[in-house]
Amino acid sequence: MSATTLDQAASVFVVVRPRLFGIAYRIVGNAPEAEDVVQEVWLRWQRTDRSAVIDPAAFLATTTTRLAINLVKCARRRHETYVATWLPEENAAADGADPHTQAERNESIDLAARVLLERLSPAERASYVLREGFQYPYQRIAEKLRIGAPNARQLVKRARDRLASDRRRPFTPDAHSQLVRALVSASRAGDLADLEEFLTAGLTEQAA
C-alpha cells in the first residue's frame, strides 16, 4: 500500500471516527472496549479493497456494529444488556438533536427491533420493552397484558433468558418496520399510549 493510498484511507476514517466510537460504545457499554473496536475497524479498513466501497461511512459503521456485537458475544455478555441499551429513552430525540447522534440512535433502535423480533414472543416482547425500555412497574405491565403481576415478572425473566440465547425466529420486514416506528415514535413524542397499544394488541392471558 502506497503512502498516498494510506493517507487517503486515514482521511476518510478520521472524519467518521467519532461516530464509529459512539456506535461501538452504545453496544459494548464501555470506552476501552469501544476504542478497541474502532482500532480493529481501522486495521480492517486498511486491508479493504476501498475501490469497491460505494459509501465508506456506511461501510465503516456496519463494520463497527458487527465487530462490537461479536465482541459482546465472545465476552459472553447477556444479550439483554445491550438490547436494553439500544432501546430508546423517553423524549430522547428532542428537537435540535445532533444529526449524527440521532442517526446513531435510530440505528440502535433498528438493531434492537431485530433482536426483539428474533428472540421473543409478542407477550415477552411487550413486557420486556415496557420494563427495560421505559421502566414500567410490573403491576402496570400486568394491567396492560391482563395478567397477574407475578406472571408479568416471569415474562420479563423469560425474555431476558431468551435474549441471552441463540434463538432465532423469522420475522417479516413489515413487522420490523412497525416495531421500529413504534419505538421511535414513543421516544420522540414521550406519549407511550400508542406504543402500549401496539405491543399489547391481541394479547390475552393465554399469550403469556
Protein backbone atom coordinates (compact mmCIF):
# COMPACT_ATOMS: atom_id res chain seq x y z
CA MET A 1 0.00 0.00 0.00
CA SER A 2 1.46 3.36 -1.00
CA ALA A 3 1.79 6.24 1.43
CA THR A 4 -0.69 8.25 -0.63
CA THR A 5 -3.27 5.49 -0.58
CA LEU A 6 -2.86 5.07 3.18
CA ASP A 7 -3.24 8.82 3.70
CA GLN A 8 -6.47 8.76 1.72
CA ALA A 9 -7.78 5.88 3.82
CA ALA A 10 -6.84 7.71 7.01
CA SER A 11 -8.52 10.92 5.87
CA VAL A 12 -11.82 9.11 5.36
CA PHE A 13 -11.52 7.25 8.64
CA VAL A 14 -10.70 10.30 10.77
CA VAL A 15 -13.86 12.08 9.63
CA VAL A 16 -16.20 9.28 10.75
CA ARG A 17 -14.19 8.08 13.74
CA PRO A 18 -16.27 9.92 16.40
CA ARG A 19 -19.41 8.31 15.03
CA LEU A 20 -17.79 4.87 14.98
CA PHE A 21 -16.75 5.25 18.61
CA GLY A 22 -20.31 6.27 19.50
CA ILE A 23 -21.74 3.19 17.81
CA ALA A 24 -19.25 0.87 19.49
CA TYR A 25 -19.75 2.48 22.90
CA ARG A 26 -23.53 2.07 22.73
CA ILE A 27 -23.12 -1.65 22.10
CA VAL A 28 -20.20 -2.71 24.29
CA GLY A 29 -21.00 -0.28 27.08
CA ASN A 30 -17.52 0.97 28.00
CA ALA A 31 -14.89 3.24 26.47
CA PRO A 32 -11.82 0.94 26.44
CA GLU A 33 -13.57 -1.84 24.54
CA ALA A 34 -15.23 0.67 22.22
CA GLU A 35 -11.76 2.04 21.46
CA ASP A 36 -10.53 -1.48 20.73
CA VAL A 37 -13.37 -1.98 18.28
CA VAL A 38 -12.61 1.27 16.48
CA GLN A 39 -8.94 0.32 16.24
CA GLU A 40 -9.86 -3.04 14.72
CA VAL A 41 -12.12 -1.27 12.22
CA TRP A 42 -9.16 0.91 11.21
CA LEU A 43 -6.98 -2.16 10.66
CA ARG A 44 -9.66 -3.78 8.54
CA TRP A 45 -10.22 -0.57 6.62
CA GLN A 46 -6.56 -0.59 5.64
CA ARG A 47 -6.90 -4.13 4.28
CA THR A 48 -10.19 -3.49 2.47
CA ASP A 49 -10.43 -3.03 -1.29
CA ARG A 50 -11.71 0.52 -0.88
CA SER A 51 -12.20 0.99 -4.62
CA ALA A 52 -15.20 -1.34 -4.30
CA VAL A 53 -16.76 0.58 -1.39
CA ILE A 54 -19.51 2.91 -2.61
CA ASP A 55 -20.28 4.57 0.76
CA PRO A 56 -17.25 4.49 3.09
CA ALA A 57 -19.13 5.95 6.08
CA ALA A 58 -21.86 3.34 5.85
CA PHE A 59 -19.32 0.56 5.33
CA LEU A 60 -17.32 1.60 8.38
CA ALA A 61 -20.44 1.98 10.53
CA THR A 62 -21.62 -1.50 9.55
CA THR A 63 -18.21 -2.99 10.25
CA THR A 64 -18.13 -1.29 13.64
CA THR A 65 -21.57 -2.57 14.54
CA ARG A 66 -20.71 -6.15 13.61
CA LEU A 67 -17.39 -6.14 15.44
CA ALA A 68 -18.94 -4.63 18.55
CA ILE A 69 -21.72 -7.21 18.62
CA ASN A 70 -19.19 -10.00 18.10
CA LEU A 71 -17.16 -8.66 21.00
CA VAL A 72 -20.20 -8.73 23.25
CA LYS A 73 -20.97 -12.30 22.22
CA CYS A 74 -17.40 -13.51 22.61
CA ALA A 75 -17.24 -11.95 26.06
CA ARG A 76 -20.35 -13.98 26.93
CA ARG A 77 -22.29 -10.93 27.92
CA ARG A 78 -26.01 -11.32 28.12
CA HIS A 79 -27.89 -10.11 25.05
CA GLU A 80 -30.48 -8.33 27.15
CA THR A 81 -27.82 -5.92 28.44
CA TYR A 82 -27.11 -4.36 25.08
CA VAL A 83 -30.67 -4.67 23.85
CA ALA A 84 -31.78 -2.58 26.82
CA THR A 85 -29.05 -0.08 25.92
CA TRP A 86 -30.39 0.12 22.37
CA LEU A 87 -33.95 0.73 23.48
CA PRO A 88 -34.99 4.40 23.21
CA GLU A 89 -35.34 6.69 26.17
CA GLU A 90 -38.50 8.74 26.54
CA ASN A 91 -38.02 12.17 24.92
CA ALA A 92 -34.52 11.12 23.81
CA ALA A 93 -34.96 12.57 20.32
CA ALA A 94 -35.62 16.14 21.28
CA ASP A 95 -35.79 18.83 18.64
CA GLY A 96 -32.36 20.18 17.79
CA ALA A 97 -30.54 16.93 18.50
CA ASP A 98 -27.26 16.46 16.68
CA PRO A 99 -27.97 14.74 13.33
CA HIS A 100 -25.18 12.20 13.80
CA THR A 101 -26.41 11.36 17.30
CA GLN A 102 -29.93 10.94 16.00
CA ALA A 103 -28.71 8.69 13.18
CA GLU A 104 -26.83 6.51 15.65
CA ARG A 105 -29.88 6.33 17.93
CA ASN A 106 -32.11 5.27 15.05
CA GLU A 107 -29.55 2.64 14.02
CA SER A 108 -29.51 1.33 17.59
CA ILE A 109 -33.31 1.08 17.65
CA ASP A 110 -33.24 -0.74 14.32
CA LEU A 111 -30.86 -3.35 15.77
CA ALA A 112 -32.87 -3.66 18.97
CA ALA A 113 -36.05 -4.32 16.99
CA ARG A 114 -34.37 -7.11 15.04
CA VAL A 115 -33.15 -8.87 18.19
CA LEU A 116 -36.52 -8.48 19.93
CA LEU A 117 -38.37 -9.94 16.95
CA GLU A 118 -35.91 -12.81 16.53
CA ARG A 119 -35.89 -13.96 20.13
CA LEU A 120 -39.13 -13.03 21.88
CA SER A 121 -42.79 -13.89 21.65
CA PRO A 122 -45.24 -10.94 21.45
CA ALA A 123 -46.03 -11.15 25.19
CA GLU A 124 -42.35 -11.41 26.14
CA ARG A 125 -41.51 -8.54 23.83
CA ALA A 126 -44.23 -6.30 25.25
CA SER A 127 -43.29 -6.96 28.87
CA TYR A 128 -39.55 -6.59 28.22
CA VAL A 129 -39.79 -3.33 26.25
CA LEU A 130 -42.11 -1.73 28.78
CA ARG A 131 -39.97 -2.85 31.71
CA GLU A 132 -36.42 -2.36 30.39
CA GLY A 133 -37.04 0.38 27.87
CA PHE A 134 -39.48 2.54 29.82
CA GLN A 135 -39.18 1.36 33.45
CA TYR A 136 -42.79 0.27 33.84
CA PRO A 137 -43.56 -1.34 37.22
CA TYR A 138 -44.61 -4.98 37.00
CA GLN A 139 -48.12 -4.19 38.19
CA ARG A 140 -48.67 -1.75 35.34
CA ILE A 141 -47.34 -4.26 32.83
CA ALA A 142 -49.70 -6.85 34.27
CA GLU A 143 -52.64 -4.50 33.81
CA LYS A 144 -51.71 -3.82 30.20
CA LEU A 145 -51.37 -7.54 29.40
CA ARG A 146 -54.34 -8.53 31.58
CA ILE A 147 -52.31 -10.95 33.65
CA GLY A 148 -51.14 -11.16 37.24
CA ALA A 149 -48.09 -9.25 38.43
CA PRO A 150 -46.14 -12.50 39.12
CA ASN A 151 -46.82 -13.56 35.53
CA ALA A 152 -45.55 -10.20 34.27
CA ARG A 153 -42.36 -10.64 36.28
CA GLN A 154 -41.96 -14.15 34.88
CA LEU A 155 -42.42 -12.88 31.33
CA VAL A 156 -39.62 -10.36 31.77
CA LYS A 157 -37.36 -13.02 33.26
CA ARG A 158 -38.14 -15.38 30.39
CA ALA A 159 -37.44 -12.60 27.90
CA ARG A 160 -34.03 -11.97 29.48
CA ASP A 161 -33.19 -15.67 29.31
CA ARG A 162 -34.19 -15.91 25.67
CA LEU A 163 -32.28 -12.78 24.73
CA ALA A 164 -29.21 -14.47 26.19
CA SER A 165 -29.71 -17.49 23.93
CA ASP A 166 -29.03 -18.02 20.24
CA ARG A 167 -32.70 -18.47 19.49
CA ARG A 168 -33.86 -17.25 16.09
CA ARG A 169 -37.33 -16.94 14.67
CA PRO A 170 -38.27 -15.46 11.30
CA PHE A 171 -39.93 -12.07 11.06
CA THR A 172 -41.19 -10.01 8.16
CA PRO A 173 -39.76 -6.67 7.05
CA ASP A 174 -43.17 -5.15 7.74
CA ALA A 175 -43.13 -6.38 11.36
CA HIS A 176 -39.67 -4.90 11.79
CA SER A 177 -40.68 -1.56 10.30
CA GLN A 178 -43.75 -1.34 12.51
CA LEU A 179 -41.79 -2.05 15.69
CA VAL A 180 -39.10 0.49 14.77
CA ARG A 181 -41.73 3.15 14.07
CA ALA A 182 -43.46 2.44 17.38
CA LEU A 183 -40.21 2.69 19.36
CA VAL A 184 -39.03 5.83 17.60
CA SER A 185 -42.42 7.49 17.95
CA ALA A 186 -42.52 6.74 21.67
CA SER A 187 -39.06 8.17 22.21
CA ARG A 188 -39.82 11.33 20.26
CA ALA A 189 -43.34 12.10 21.45
CA GLY A 190 -42.95 10.92 25.03
CA ASP A 191 -46.50 9.59 24.88
CA LEU A 192 -46.40 5.84 25.38
CA ALA A 193 -50.09 5.14 24.83
CA ASP A 194 -49.59 4.23 21.17
CA LEU A 195 -46.61 2.02 21.99
CA GLU A 196 -48.59 0.22 24.69
CA GLU A 197 -51.43 -0.39 22.25
CA PHE A 198 -49.05 -1.62 19.55
CA LEU A 199 -47.18 -4.03 21.83
CA THR A 200 -50.25 -5.46 23.55
CA ALA A 201 -52.61 -5.66 20.56
CA GLY A 202 -54.24 -9.09 20.52
CA LEU A 203 -52.54 -10.35 23.69
CA THR A 204 -54.54 -12.31 26.24
CA GLU A 205 -53.71 -14.27 29.34
CA GLN A 206 -53.08 -17.28 27.12
CA ALA A 207 -50.34 -15.31 25.33
CA ALA A 208 -48.23 -15.48 28.46
